[in-house]
Structure formats: structure tokens, C-alpha cells
Amino acid sequence: MNIELTRFRVKKGKSKLVDEWMKFLNDHMHEVLLTLEDEKMYVETIFRENLDGQEYLYWYSIQGDAGQDVEESEHWVDKKHLEFWEECIDPTFRTVDLNPEVVMIPKRVKESFETVGSRG
């Protein structure tokens, strides 16, 4: 199981497009959730922050081993998601990966992740 929290910087002037992106994901949640199966993504959450005049997006995820990369997906919703990514995320910013110090997942939940992951 892979647990990650990563910060990405939004390109200047792209806040309204980020609004559209987040709305797109929320409006197409059924399709988004279907794509998570191939990725063995159990939990994926996007947080947004404005700090000192700069906007950031944070991705928090819990993912099983050997999941498909989103870049390899043929799902239309993933292709659109990646288009937003290219337009909004600043590739010159060195991403910040935060390290988990304590993981609090009840045994029954962790076991259910592992059971689901072993079916893929």
C-alpha cells in the first residue's frame, strides 16, 4: 500500500481554470470513480490552498501496489483530467512530497483494501 501527500503549484492566472477542473471532477464523479479501479486507487483527495499569493493543489492518496498510471489510461475522463493538469500545474515547481509519520487505518479497513487489491 502506498500513501502519499504531494503539493503542486498552480500556474499564475489559472485559478478560474482550476475552478473548472474541480467542478469537472465533481460533476463526473461516477466516471472518475470507475477509473480508480485500474489505478488500484483506494482513496484520492485533492486539497487547495492559497499561501502568500500563490495557489497550490495537494493530492492525498492511498493506492495499492502495481496500479495503472493515470497517463496510461484510455478513459475519456482521465484524458480530460490530464488536459487540465497540463494547463494548470506549474512544471517548473519542484513538487513537495510530505512523509507520513503515523498511519492510522483500522485493521478491518486496511484488510478490505488488501482484499480489493488482490482481485485486480
PDB file of N, CA and C in Angstrom:
ATOM      1  N   MET A   1       0.853  -1.175   0.000  1.00  0.00           N
ATOM      2  CA  MET A   1       0.000   0.000   0.000  1.00  0.00           C
ATOM      3  C   MET A   1       0.897   1.235   0.000  1.00  0.00           C
ATOM      4  N   ASN A   2       0.546   2.210  -0.826  1.00  0.00           N
ATOM      5  CA  ASN A   2       1.317   3.434  -0.973  1.00  0.00           C
ATOM      6  C   ASN A   2       0.450   4.609  -0.519  1.00  0.00           C
ATOM      7  N   ILE A   3       0.926   5.360   0.457  1.00  0.00           N
ATOM      8  CA  ILE A   3       0.195   6.524   0.974  1.00  0.00           C
ATOM      9  C   ILE A   3       1.014   7.767   0.661  1.00  0.00           C
ATOM     10  N   GLU A   4       0.386   8.730  -0.039  1.00  0.00           N
ATOM     11  CA  GLU A   4       1.116   9.924  -0.471  1.00  0.00           C
ATOM     12  C   GLU A   4       0.321  11.201  -0.214  1.00  0.00           C
ATOM     13  N   LEU A   5       1.067  12.262   0.044  1.00  0.00           N
ATOM     14  CA  LEU A   5       0.530  13.622   0.058  1.00  0.00           C
ATOM     15  C   LEU A   5       1.567  14.486  -0.647  1.00  0.00           C
ATOM     16  N   THR A   6       1.165  15.067  -1.777  1.00  0.00           N
ATOM     17  CA  THR A   6       2.092  15.840  -2.601  1.00  0.00           C
ATOM     18  C   THR A   6       1.500  17.204  -2.923  1.00  0.00           C
ATOM     19  N   ARG A   7       2.355  18.229  -2.858  1.00  0.00           N
ATOM     20  CA  ARG A   7       1.937  19.599  -3.180  1.00  0.00           C
ATOM     21  C   ARG A   7       2.459  19.979  -4.555  1.00  0.00           C
ATOM     22  N   PHE A   8       1.549  20.582  -5.341  1.00  0.00           N
ATOM     23  CA  PHE A   8       1.869  21.082  -6.673  1.00  0.00           C
ATOM     24  C   PHE A   8       1.482  22.555  -6.737  1.00  0.00           C
ATOM     25  N   ARG A   9       2.273  23.346  -7.450  1.00  0.00           N
ATOM     26  CA  ARG A   9       1.959  24.769  -7.592  1.00  0.00           C
ATOM     27  C   ARG A   9       1.128  24.985  -8.854  1.00  0.00           C
ATOM     28  N   VAL A  10       0.111  25.811  -8.717  1.00  0.00           N
ATOM     29  CA  VAL A  10      -0.747  26.189  -9.840  1.00  0.00           C
ATOM     30  C   VAL A  10      -0.076  27.344 -10.583  1.00  0.00           C
ATOM     31  N   LYS A  11      -0.110  27.291 -11.907  1.00  0.00           N
ATOM     32  CA  LYS A  11       0.425  28.382 -12.717  1.00  0.00           C
ATOM     33  C   LYS A  11      -0.332  29.668 -12.416  1.00  0.00           C
ATOM     34  N   LYS A  12       0.386  30.777 -12.438  1.00  0.00           N
ATOM     35  CA  LYS A  12      -0.239  32.095 -12.231  1.00  0.00           C
ATOM     36  C   LYS A  12      -1.353  32.305 -13.250  1.00  0.00           C
ATOM     37  N   GLY A  13      -2.467  32.875 -12.794  1.00  0.00           N
ATOM     38  CA  GLY A  13      -3.575  33.203 -13.679  1.00  0.00           C
ATOM     39  C   GLY A  13      -4.470  32.023 -14.044  1.00  0.00           C
ATOM     40  N   LYS A  14      -4.276  30.876 -13.417  1.00  0.00           N
ATOM     41  CA  LYS A  14      -5.054  29.679 -13.777  1.00  0.00           C
ATOM     42  C   LYS A  14      -6.104  29.290 -12.729  1.00  0.00           C
ATOM     43  N   SER A  15      -6.369  30.162 -11.762  1.00  0.00           N
ATOM     44  CA  SER A  15      -7.328  29.824 -10.701  1.00  0.00           C
ATOM     45  C   SER A  15      -8.728  29.522 -11.230  1.00  0.00           C
ATOM     46  N   LYS A  16      -9.198  30.313 -12.182  1.00  0.00           N
ATOM     47  CA  LYS A  16     -10.532  30.060 -12.740  1.00  0.00           C
ATOM     48  C   LYS A  16     -10.571  28.725 -13.483  1.00  0.00           C
ATOM     49  N   LEU A  17      -9.484  28.375 -14.145  1.00  0.00           N
ATOM     50  CA  LEU A  17      -9.420  27.080 -14.817  1.00  0.00           C
ATOM     51  C   LEU A  17      -9.368  25.940 -13.789  1.00  0.00           C
ATOM     52  N   VAL A  18      -8.700  26.162 -12.667  1.00  0.00           N
ATOM     53  CA  VAL A  18      -8.703  25.164 -11.588  1.00  0.00           C
ATOM     54  C   VAL A  18     -10.133  24.998 -11.062  1.00  0.00           C
ATOM     55  N   ASP A  19     -10.883  26.109 -10.941  1.00  0.00           N
ATOM     56  CA  ASP A  19     -12.298  26.017 -10.546  1.00  0.00           C
ATOM     57  C   ASP A  19     -13.044  25.087 -11.504  1.00  0.00           C
ATOM     58  N   GLU A  20     -12.834  25.283 -12.802  1.00  0.00           N
ATOM     59  CA  GLU A  20     -13.491  24.440 -13.818  1.00  0.00           C
ATOM     60  C   GLU A  20     -13.061  22.984 -13.673  1.00  0.00           C
ATOM     61  N   TRP A  21     -11.776  22.765 -13.423  1.00  0.00           N
ATOM     62  CA  TRP A  21     -11.225  21.416 -13.276  1.00  0.00           C
ATOM     63  C   TRP A  21     -11.879  20.688 -12.099  1.00  0.00           C
ATOM     64  N   MET A  22     -11.926  21.355 -10.957  1.00  0.00           N
ATOM     65  CA  MET A  22     -12.506  20.737  -9.774  1.00  0.00           C
ATOM     66  C   MET A  22     -14.006  20.477  -9.976  1.00  0.00           C
ATOM     67  N   LYS A  23     -14.678  21.402 -10.652  1.00  0.00           N
ATOM     68  CA  LYS A  23     -16.098  21.212 -10.964  1.00  0.00           C
ATOM     69  C   LYS A  23     -16.265  20.024 -11.911  1.00  0.00           C
ATOM     70  N   PHE A  24     -15.398  19.931 -12.904  1.00  0.00           N
ATOM     71  CA  PHE A  24     -15.437  18.807 -13.844  1.00  0.00           C
ATOM     72  C   PHE A  24     -15.323  17.477 -13.096  1.00  0.00           C
ATOM     73  N   LEU A  25     -14.346  17.369 -12.199  1.00  0.00           N
ATOM     74  CA  LEU A  25     -14.167  16.130 -11.451  1.00  0.00           C
ATOM     75  C   LEU A  25     -15.389  15.821 -10.589  1.00  0.00           C
ATOM     76  N   ASN A  26     -15.909  16.833  -9.909  1.00  0.00           N
ATOM     77  CA  ASN A  26     -17.102  16.619  -9.076  1.00  0.00           C
ATOM     78  C   ASN A  26     -18.329  16.268  -9.912  1.00  0.00           C
ATOM     79  N   ASP A  27     -18.491  16.930 -11.049  1.00  0.00           N
ATOM     80  CA  ASP A  27     -19.651  16.677 -11.911  1.00  0.00           C
ATOM     81  C   ASP A  27     -19.599  15.302 -12.574  1.00  0.00           C
ATOM     82  N   HIS A  28     -18.414  14.739 -12.712  1.00  0.00           N
ATOM     83  CA  HIS A  28     -18.246  13.437 -13.372  1.00  0.00           C
ATOM     84  C   HIS A  28     -17.711  12.386 -12.400  1.00  0.00           C
ATOM     85  N   MET A  29     -18.120  12.504 -11.139  1.00  0.00           N
ATOM     86  CA  MET A  29     -17.582  11.626 -10.104  1.00  0.00           C
ATOM     87  C   MET A  29     -17.822  10.149 -10.408  1.00  0.00           C
ATOM     88  N   HIS A  30     -18.960   9.806 -10.964  1.00  0.00           N
ATOM     89  CA  HIS A  30     -19.223   8.402 -11.280  1.00  0.00           C
ATOM     90  C   HIS A  30     -18.140   7.850 -12.216  1.00  0.00           C
ATOM     91  N   GLU A  31     -17.827   8.584 -13.271  1.00  0.00           N
ATOM     92  CA  GLU A  31     -16.807   8.157 -14.220  1.00  0.00           C
ATOM     93  C   GLU A  31     -15.411   8.164 -13.590  1.00  0.00           C
ATOM     94  N   VAL A  32     -15.156   9.184 -12.763  1.00  0.00           N
ATOM     95  CA  VAL A  32     -13.861   9.283 -12.086  1.00  0.00           C
ATOM     96  C   VAL A  32     -13.644   8.055 -11.204  1.00  0.00           C
ATOM     97  N   LEU A  33     -14.660   7.687 -10.447  1.00  0.00           N
ATOM     98  CA  LEU A  33     -14.521   6.541  -9.548  1.00  0.00           C
ATOM     99  C   LEU A  33     -14.277   5.243 -10.317  1.00  0.00           C
ATOM    100  N   LEU A  34     -14.856   5.128 -11.495  1.00  0.00           N
ATOM    101  CA  LEU A  34     -14.619   3.934 -12.316  1.00  0.00           C
ATOM    102  C   LEU A  34     -13.153   3.823 -12.725  1.00  0.00           C
ATOM    103  N   THR A  35     -12.511   4.949 -12.992  1.00  0.00           N
ATOM    104  CA  THR A  35     -11.112   4.921 -13.435  1.00  0.00           C
ATOM    105  C   THR A  35     -10.166   4.534 -12.300  1.00  0.00           C
ATOM    106  N   LEU A  36     -10.580   4.742 -11.069  1.00  0.00           N
ATOM    107  CA  LEU A  36      -9.715   4.441  -9.932  1.00  0.00           C
ATOM    108  C   LEU A  36      -9.439   2.948  -9.787  1.00  0.00           C
ATOM    109  N   GLU A  37     -10.358   2.133 -10.297  1.00  0.00           N
ATOM    110  CA  GLU A  37     -10.180   0.670 -10.222  1.00  0.00           C
ATOM    111  C   GLU A  37      -8.868   0.236 -10.865  1.00  0.00           C
ATOM    112  N   ASP A  38      -8.622   0.672 -12.102  1.00  0.00           N
ATOM    113  CA  ASP A  38      -7.397   0.277 -12.811  1.00  0.00           C
ATOM    114  C   ASP A  38      -6.141   0.794 -12.119  1.00  0.00           C
ATOM    115  N   GLU A  39      -6.275   1.912 -11.449  1.00  0.00           N
ATOM    116  CA  GLU A  39      -5.139   2.520 -10.753  1.00  0.00           C
ATOM    117  C   GLU A  39      -4.899   1.884  -9.383  1.00  0.00           C
ATOM    118  N   LYS A  40      -5.824   1.020  -8.956  1.00  0.00           N
ATOM    119  CA  LYS A  40      -5.810   0.460  -7.599  1.00  0.00           C
ATOM    120  C   LYS A  40      -5.765   1.578  -6.563  1.00  0.00           C
ATOM    121  N   MET A  41      -6.493   2.647  -6.891  1.00  0.00           N
ATOM    122  CA  MET A  41      -6.559   3.816  -6.031  1.00  0.00           C
ATOM    123  C   MET A  41      -7.739   3.649  -5.077  1.00  0.00           C
ATOM    124  N   TYR A  42      -7.432   3.528  -3.788  1.00  0.00           N
ATOM    125  CA  TYR A  42      -8.478   3.324  -2.792  1.00  0.00           C
ATOM    126  C   TYR A  42      -9.077   4.648  -2.325  1.00  0.00           C
ATOM    127  N   VAL A  43      -8.224   5.636  -2.174  1.00  0.00           N
ATOM    128  CA  VAL A  43      -8.650   6.971  -1.731  1.00  0.00           C
ATOM    129  C   VAL A  43      -7.824   7.991  -2.500  1.00  0.00           C
ATOM    130  N   GLU A  44      -8.499   8.992  -3.043  1.00  0.00           N
ATOM    131  CA  GLU A  44      -7.783  10.110  -3.667  1.00  0.00           C
ATOM    132  C   GLU A  44      -8.554  11.375  -3.348  1.00  0.00           C
ATOM    133  N   THR A  45      -7.856  12.327  -2.788  1.00  0.00           N
ATOM    134  CA  THR A  45      -8.472  13.584  -2.376  1.00  0.00           C
ATOM    135  C   THR A  45      -7.583  14.732  -2.838  1.00  0.00           C
ATOM    136  N   ILE A  46      -8.216  15.797  -3.351  1.00  0.00           N
ATOM    137  CA  ILE A  46      -7.478  16.983  -3.777  1.00  0.00           C
ATOM    138  C   ILE A  46      -7.826  18.124  -2.827  1.00  0.00           C
ATOM    139  N   PHE A  47      -6.801  18.736  -2.276  1.00  0.00           N
ATOM    140  CA  PHE A  47      -6.957  19.910  -1.412  1.00  0.00           C
ATOM    141  C   PHE A  47      -6.414  21.121  -2.165  1.00  0.00           C
ATOM    142  N   ARG A  48      -6.898  22.284  -1.792  1.00  0.00           N
ATOM    143  CA  ARG A  48      -6.497  23.529  -2.450  1.00  0.00           C
ATOM    144  C   ARG A  48      -6.115  24.544  -1.382  1.00  0.00           C
ATOM    145  N   GLU A  49      -5.035  25.296  -1.655  1.00  0.00           N
ATOM    146  CA  GLU A  49      -4.567  26.283  -0.689  1.00  0.00           C
ATOM    147  C   GLU A  49      -4.020  27.500  -1.421  1.00  0.00           C
ATOM    148  N   ASN A  50      -4.303  28.673  -0.859  1.00  0.00           N
ATOM    149  CA  ASN A  50      -3.658  29.912  -1.290  1.00  0.00           C
ATOM    150  C   ASN A  50      -2.745  30.338  -0.153  1.00  0.00           C
ATOM    151  N   LEU A  51      -1.466  30.505  -0.475  1.00  0.00           N
ATOM    152  CA  LEU A  51      -0.478  30.827   0.537  1.00  0.00           C
ATOM    153  C   LEU A  51       0.427  31.923   0.001  1.00  0.00           C
ATOM    154  N   ASP A  52       0.419  33.066   0.656  1.00  0.00           N
ATOM    155  CA  ASP A  52       1.265  34.195   0.244  1.00  0.00           C
ATOM    156  C   ASP A  52       1.077  34.550  -1.228  1.00  0.00           C
ATOM    157  N   GLY A  53      -0.174  34.547  -1.682  1.00  0.00           N
ATOM    158  CA  GLY A  53      -0.486  34.940  -3.050  1.00  0.00           C
ATOM    159  C   GLY A  53      -0.245  33.869  -4.100  1.00  0.00           C
ATOM    160  N   GLN A  54       0.119  32.680  -3.673  1.00  0.00           N
ATOM    161  CA  GLN A  54       0.363  31.573  -4.603  1.00  0.00           C
ATOM    162  C   GLN A  54      -0.626  30.447  -4.305  1.00  0.00           C
ATOM    163  N   GLU A  55      -1.124  29.848  -5.361  1.00  0.00           N
ATOM    164  CA  GLU A  55      -2.093  28.764  -5.202  1.00  0.00           C
ATOM    165  C   GLU A  55      -1.417  27.404  -5.360  1.00  0.00           C
ATOM    166  N   TYR A  56      -1.841  26.458  -4.521  1.00  0.00           N
ATOM    167  CA  TYR A  56      -1.310  25.098  -4.545  1.00  0.00           C
ATOM    168  C   TYR A  56      -2.455  24.099  -4.520  1.00  0.00           C
ATOM    169  N   LEU A  57      -2.208  22.954  -5.134  1.00  0.00           N
ATOM    170  CA  LEU A  57      -3.100  21.807  -5.024  1.00  0.00           C
ATOM    171  C   LEU A  57      -2.309  20.689  -4.363  1.00  0.00           C
ATOM    172  N   TYR A  58      -2.967  19.986  -3.459  1.00  0.00           N
ATOM    173  CA  TYR A  58      -2.365  18.858  -2.767  1.00  0.00           C
ATOM    174  C   TYR A  58      -3.140  17.600  -3.126  1.00  0.00           C
ATOM    175  N   TRP A  59      -2.432  16.561  -3.478  1.00  0.00           N
ATOM    176  CA  TRP A  59      -3.051  15.260  -3.751  1.00  0.00           C
ATOM    177  C   TRP A  59      -2.722  14.335  -2.598  1.00  0.00           C
ATOM    178  N   TYR A  60      -3.770  13.794  -1.961  1.00  0.00           N
ATOM    179  CA  TYR A  60      -3.617  12.775  -0.928  1.00  0.00           C
ATOM    180  C   TYR A  60      -4.183  11.488  -1.492  1.00  0.00           C
ATOM    181  N   SER A  61      -3.416  10.404  -1.385  1.00  0.00           N
ATOM    182  CA  SER A  61      -3.920   9.145  -1.927  1.00  0.00           C
ATOM    183  C   SER A  61      -3.450   7.944  -1.120  1.00  0.00           C
ATOM    184  N   ILE A  62      -4.276   6.922  -1.186  1.00  0.00           N
ATOM    185  CA  ILE A  62      -3.929   5.597  -0.690  1.00  0.00           C
ATOM    186  C   ILE A  62      -4.145   4.680  -1.875  1.00  0.00           C
ATOM    187  N   GLN A  63      -3.065   4.029  -2.286  1.00  0.00           N
ATOM    188  CA  GLN A  63      -3.085   3.252  -3.520  1.00  0.00           C
ATOM    189  C   GLN A  63      -2.445   1.884  -3.294  1.00  0.00           C
ATOM    190  N   GLY A  64      -3.021   0.885  -3.930  1.00  0.00           N
ATOM    191  CA  GLY A  64      -2.445  -0.445  -3.899  1.00  0.00           C
ATOM    192  C   GLY A  64      -1.228  -0.530  -4.797  1.00  0.00           C
ATOM    193  N   ASP A  65      -0.505  -1.620  -4.678  1.00  0.00           N
ATOM    194  CA  ASP A  65       0.690  -1.830  -5.488  1.00  0.00           C
ATOM    195  C   ASP A  65       0.321  -2.172  -6.927  1.00  0.00           C
ATOM    196  N   ALA A  66       1.171  -1.769  -7.855  1.00  0.00           N
ATOM    197  CA  ALA A  66       1.069  -2.124  -9.280  1.00  0.00           C
ATOM    198  C   ALA A  66      -0.194  -1.604  -9.956  1.00  0.00           C
ATOM    199  N   GLY A  67      -0.657  -0.442  -9.536  1.00  0.00           N
ATOM    200  CA  GLY A  67      -1.797   0.183 -10.211  1.00  0.00           C
ATOM    201  C   GLY A  67      -1.356   0.872 -11.494  1.00  0.00           C
ATOM    202  N   GLN A  68      -2.298   1.021 -12.409  1.00  0.00           N
ATOM    203  CA  GLN A  68      -2.016   1.693 -13.674  1.00  0.00           C
ATOM    204  C   GLN A  68      -1.792   3.188 -13.434  1.00  0.00           C
ATOM    205  N   ASP A  69      -0.815   3.767 -14.123  1.00  0.00           N
ATOM    206  CA  ASP A  69      -0.606   5.210 -14.064  1.00  0.00           C
ATOM    207  C   ASP A  69      -1.724   5.905 -14.830  1.00  0.00           C
ATOM    208  N   VAL A  70      -2.160   7.045 -14.328  1.00  0.00           N
ATOM    209  CA  VAL A  70      -3.245   7.785 -14.990  1.00  0.00           C
ATOM    210  C   VAL A  70      -2.867   8.141 -16.427  1.00  0.00           C
ATOM    211  N   GLU A  71      -1.577   8.351 -16.677  1.00  0.00           N
ATOM    212  CA  GLU A  71      -1.115   8.684 -18.029  1.00  0.00           C
ATOM    213  C   GLU A  71      -1.322   7.535 -19.020  1.00  0.00           C
ATOM    214  N   GLU A  72      -1.463   6.332 -18.530  1.00  0.00           N
ATOM    215  CA  GLU A  72      -1.678   5.160 -19.385  1.00  0.00           C
ATOM    216  C   GLU A  72      -3.158   4.880 -19.638  1.00  0.00           C
ATOM    217  N   SER A  73      -4.024   5.601 -18.967  1.00  0.00           N
ATOM    218  CA  SER A  73      -5.458   5.343 -19.049  1.00  0.00           C
ATOM    219  C   SER A  73      -6.031   5.745 -20.405  1.00  0.00           C
ATOM    220  N   GLU A  74      -6.997   4.962 -20.858  1.00  0.00           N
ATOM    221  CA  GLU A  74      -7.730   5.271 -22.088  1.00  0.00           C
ATOM    222  C   GLU A  74      -9.094   5.892 -21.788  1.00  0.00           C
ATOM    223  N   HIS A  75      -9.425   6.046 -20.497  1.00  0.00           N
ATOM    224  CA  HIS A  75     -10.716   6.637 -20.117  1.00  0.00           C
ATOM    225  C   HIS A  75     -10.766   8.115 -20.523  1.00  0.00           C
ATOM    226  N   TRP A  76     -11.884   8.530 -21.126  1.00  0.00           N
ATOM    227  CA  TRP A  76     -12.018   9.917 -21.564  1.00  0.00           C
ATOM    228  C   TRP A  76     -11.888  10.888 -20.396  1.00  0.00           C
ATOM    229  N   VAL A  77     -12.398  10.510 -19.220  1.00  0.00           N
ATOM    230  CA  VAL A  77     -12.366  11.420 -18.084  1.00  0.00           C
ATOM    231  C   VAL A  77     -10.918  11.635 -17.616  1.00  0.00           C
ATOM    232  N   ASP A  78     -10.074  10.600 -17.715  1.00  0.00           N
ATOM    233  CA  ASP A  78      -8.665  10.758 -17.363  1.00  0.00           C
ATOM    234  C   ASP A  78      -7.932  11.621 -18.383  1.00  0.00           C
ATOM    235  N   LYS A  79      -8.284  11.477 -19.649  1.00  0.00           N
ATOM    236  CA  LYS A  79      -7.656  12.308 -20.688  1.00  0.00           C
ATOM    237  C   LYS A  79      -7.982  13.787 -20.453  1.00  0.00           C
ATOM    238  N   LYS A  80      -9.230  14.085 -20.106  1.00  0.00           N
ATOM    239  CA  LYS A  80      -9.638  15.467 -19.815  1.00  0.00           C
ATOM    240  C   LYS A  80      -8.932  15.963 -18.551  1.00  0.00           C
ATOM    241  N   HIS A  81      -8.854  15.104 -17.544  1.00  0.00           N
ATOM    242  CA  HIS A  81      -8.160  15.441 -16.298  1.00  0.00           C
ATOM    243  C   HIS A  81      -6.708  15.839 -16.589  1.00  0.00           C
ATOM    244  N   LEU A  82      -6.039  15.076 -17.441  1.00  0.00           N
ATOM    245  CA  LEU A  82      -4.649  15.372 -17.786  1.00  0.00           C
ATOM    246  C   LEU A  82      -4.517  16.652 -18.606  1.00  0.00           C
ATOM    247  N   GLU A  83      -5.528  16.976 -19.417  1.00  0.00           N
ATOM    248  CA  GLU A  83      -5.516  18.259 -20.140  1.00  0.00           C
ATOM    249  C   GLU A  83      -5.542  19.420 -19.144  1.00  0.00           C
ATOM    250  N   PHE A  84      -6.430  19.326 -18.148  1.00  0.00           N
ATOM    251  CA  PHE A  84      -6.473  20.359 -17.101  1.00  0.00           C
ATOM    252  C   PHE A  84      -5.124  20.432 -16.392  1.00  0.00           C
ATOM    253  N   TRP A  85      -4.565  19.270 -16.068  1.00  0.00           N
ATOM    254  CA  TRP A  85      -3.269  19.208 -15.381  1.00  0.00           C
ATOM    255  C   TRP A  85      -2.222  19.996 -16.166  1.00  0.00           C
ATOM    256  N   GLU A  86      -2.098  19.725 -17.453  1.00  0.00           N
ATOM    257  CA  GLU A  86      -1.097  20.390 -18.302  1.00  0.00           C
ATOM    258  C   GLU A  86      -1.291  21.910 -18.310  1.00  0.00           C
ATOM    259  N   GLU A  87      -2.543  22.346 -18.316  1.00  0.00           N
ATOM    260  CA  GLU A  87      -2.849  23.777 -18.360  1.00  0.00           C
ATOM    261  C   GLU A  87      -2.627  24.471 -17.019  1.00  0.00           C
ATOM    262  N   CYS A  88      -2.808  23.735 -15.913  1.00  0.00           N
ATOM    263  CA  CYS A  88      -2.865  24.380 -14.602  1.00  0.00           C
ATOM    264  C   CYS A  88      -1.649  24.176 -13.702  1.00  0.00           C
ATOM    265  N   ILE A  89      -0.978  23.050 -13.816  1.00  0.00           N
ATOM    266  CA  ILE A  89       0.109  22.740 -12.878  1.00  0.00           C
ATOM    267  C   ILE A  89       1.440  23.247 -13.423  1.00  0.00           C
ATOM    268  N   ASP A  90       2.170  23.962 -12.577  1.00  0.00           N
ATOM    269  CA  ASP A  90       3.447  24.565 -12.940  1.00  0.00           C
ATOM    270  C   ASP A  90       4.547  23.496 -12.954  1.00  0.00           C
ATOM    271  N   PRO A  91       5.054  23.146 -14.145  1.00  0.00           N
ATOM    272  CA  PRO A  91       6.075  22.092 -14.225  1.00  0.00           C
ATOM    273  C   PRO A  91       7.452  22.538 -13.719  1.00  0.00           C
ATOM    274  N   THR A  92       7.635  23.860 -13.517  1.00  0.00           N
ATOM    275  CA  THR A  92       8.930  24.351 -13.040  1.00  0.00           C
ATOM    276  C   THR A  92       9.051  24.257 -11.521  1.00  0.00           C
ATOM    277  N   PHE A  93       7.936  24.028 -10.851  1.00  0.00           N
ATOM    278  CA  PHE A  93       7.931  23.923  -9.385  1.00  0.00           C
ATOM    279  C   PHE A  93       8.318  22.506  -8.975  1.00  0.00           C
ATOM    280  N   ARG A  94       9.285  22.407  -8.102  1.00  0.00           N
ATOM    281  CA  ARG A  94       9.671  21.091  -7.576  1.00  0.00           C
ATOM    282  C   ARG A  94       8.604  20.637  -6.584  1.00  0.00           C
ATOM    283  N   THR A  95       7.930  19.557  -6.916  1.00  0.00           N
ATOM    284  CA  THR A  95       6.843  19.091  -6.056  1.00  0.00           C
ATOM    285  C   THR A  95       7.360  18.795  -4.656  1.00  0.00           C
ATOM    286  N   VAL A  96       6.445  18.891  -3.704  1.00  0.00           N
ATOM    287  CA  VAL A  96       6.781  18.627  -2.319  1.00  0.00           C
ATOM    288  C   VAL A  96       6.021  17.389  -1.883  1.00  0.00           C
ATOM    289  N   ASP A  97       6.753  16.322  -1.580  1.00  0.00           N
ATOM    290  CA  ASP A  97       6.158  15.103  -1.059  1.00  0.00           C
ATOM    291  C   ASP A  97       6.315  15.112   0.457  1.00  0.00           C
ATOM    292  N   LEU A  98       5.189  15.042   1.140  1.00  0.00           N
ATOM    293  CA  LEU A  98       5.216  15.002   2.598  1.00  0.00           C
ATOM    294  C   LEU A  98       5.284  13.537   3.033  1.00  0.00           C
ATOM    295  N   ASN A  99       6.058  13.280   4.062  1.00  0.00           N
ATOM    296  CA  ASN A  99       6.250  11.912   4.529  1.00  0.00           C
ATOM    297  C   ASN A  99       5.290  11.575   5.652  1.00  0.00           C
ATOM    298  N   PRO A 100       4.592  10.452   5.552  1.00  0.00           N
ATOM    299  CA  PRO A 100       3.707  10.061   6.643  1.00  0.00           C
ATOM    300  C   PRO A 100       4.534   9.649   7.864  1.00  0.00           C
ATOM    301  N   GLU A 101       4.198  10.176   8.992  1.00  0.00           N
ATOM    302  CA  GLU A 101       4.864   9.834  10.243  1.00  0.00           C
ATOM    303  C   GLU A 101       4.071   8.776  11.014  1.00  0.00           C
ATOM    304  N   VAL A 102       2.755   8.854  10.910  1.00  0.00           N
ATOM    305  CA  VAL A 102       1.875   7.909  11.586  1.00  0.00           C
ATOM    306  C   VAL A 102       0.746   7.592  10.622  1.00  0.00           C
ATOM    307  N   VAL A 103       0.456   6.317  10.432  1.00  0.00           N
ATOM    308  CA  VAL A 103      -0.647   5.894   9.575  1.00  0.00           C
ATOM    309  C   VAL A 103      -1.687   5.229  10.467  1.00  0.00           C
ATOM    310  N   MET A 104      -2.863   5.822  10.513  1.00  0.00           N
ATOM    311  CA  MET A 104      -3.934   5.316  11.366  1.00  0.00           C
ATOM    312  C   MET A 104      -5.061   4.790  10.488  1.00  0.00           C
ATOM    313  N   ILE A 105      -4.980   3.525  10.154  1.00  0.00           N
ATOM    314  CA  ILE A 105      -6.003   2.864   9.364  1.00  0.00           C
ATOM    315  C   ILE A 105      -6.426   1.630  10.153  1.00  0.00           C
ATOM    316  N   PRO A 106      -7.689   1.558  10.553  1.00  0.00           N
ATOM    317  CA  PRO A 106      -8.123   0.372  11.293  1.00  0.00           C
ATOM    318  C   PRO A 106      -7.840  -0.906  10.495  1.00  0.00           C
ATOM    319  N   LYS A 107      -7.531  -1.969  11.222  1.00  0.00           N
ATOM    320  CA  LYS A 107      -7.156  -3.248  10.602  1.00  0.00           C
ATOM    321  C   LYS A 107      -8.204  -3.709   9.595  1.00  0.00           C
ATOM    322  N   ARG A 108      -9.477  -3.607   9.928  1.00  0.00           N
ATOM    323  CA  ARG A 108     -10.531  -4.089   9.030  1.00  0.00           C
ATOM    324  C   ARG A 108     -10.565  -3.284   7.727  1.00  0.00           C
ATOM    325  N   VAL A 109     -10.272  -1.988   7.789  1.00  0.00           N
ATOM    326  CA  VAL A 109     -10.239  -1.153   6.592  1.00  0.00           C
ATOM    327  C   VAL A 109      -9.016  -1.518   5.754  1.00  0.00           C
ATOM    328  N   LYS A 110      -7.862  -1.630   6.397  1.00  0.00           N
ATOM    329  CA  LYS A 110      -6.642  -1.999   5.679  1.00  0.00           C
ATOM    330  C   LYS A 110      -6.809  -3.358   5.008  1.00  0.00           C
ATOM    331  N   GLU A 111      -7.391  -4.310   5.715  1.00  0.00           N
ATOM    332  CA  GLU A 111      -7.611  -5.640   5.138  1.00  0.00           C
ATOM    333  C   GLU A 111      -8.575  -5.583   3.954  1.00  0.00           C
ATOM    334  N   SER A 112      -9.576  -4.695   4.018  1.00  0.00           N
ATOM    335  CA  SER A 112     -10.504  -4.579   2.885  1.00  0.00           C
ATOM    336  C   SER A 112      -9.797  -3.988   1.672  1.00  0.00           C
ATOM    337  N   PHE A 113      -8.851  -3.051   1.881  1.00  0.00           N
ATOM    338  CA  PHE A 113      -8.044  -2.530   0.777  1.00  0.00           C
ATOM    339  C   PHE A 113      -7.250  -3.669   0.150  1.00  0.00           C
ATOM    340  N   GLU A 114      -6.599  -4.458   0.994  1.00  0.00           N
ATOM    341  CA  GLU A 114      -5.745  -5.538   0.504  1.00  0.00           C
ATOM    342  C   GLU A 114      -6.570  -6.580  -0.250  1.00  0.00           C
ATOM    343  N   THR A 115      -7.782  -6.853   0.220  1.00  0.00           N
ATOM    344  CA  THR A 115      -8.662  -7.807  -0.460  1.00  0.00           C
ATOM    345  C   THR A 115      -9.049  -7.291  -1.833  1.00  0.00           C
ATOM    346  N   VAL A 116      -9.437  -6.018  -1.908  1.00  0.00           N
ATOM    347  CA  VAL A 116      -9.797  -5.411  -3.183  1.00  0.00           C
ATOM    348  C   VAL A 116      -8.600  -5.417  -4.120  1.00  0.00           C
ATOM    349  N   GLY A 117      -7.435  -5.062  -3.605  1.00  0.00           N
ATOM    350  CA  GLY A 117      -6.221  -5.004  -4.417  1.00  0.00           C
ATOM    351  C   GLY A 117      -5.801  -6.357  -4.959  1.00  0.00           C
ATOM    352  N   SER A 118      -6.076  -7.411  -4.224  1.00  0.00           N
ATOM    353  CA  SER A 118      -5.672  -8.740  -4.688  1.00  0.00           C
ATOM    354  C   SER A 118      -6.567  -9.269  -5.794  1.00  0.00           C
ATOM    355  N   ARG A 119      -7.741  -8.654  -5.969  1.00  0.00           N
ATOM    356  CA  ARG A 119      -8.637  -9.067  -7.045  1.00  0.00           C
ATOM    357  C   ARG A 119      -8.216  -8.515  -8.397  1.00  0.00           C
ATOM    358  N   GLY A 120      -7.429  -7.391  -8.386  1.00  0.00           N
ATOM    359  CA  GLY A 120      -7.065  -6.706  -9.633  1.00  0.00           C
ATOM    360  C   GLY A 120      -6.041  -7.418 -10.335  1.00  0.00           C
TER     361      GLY A 120
END
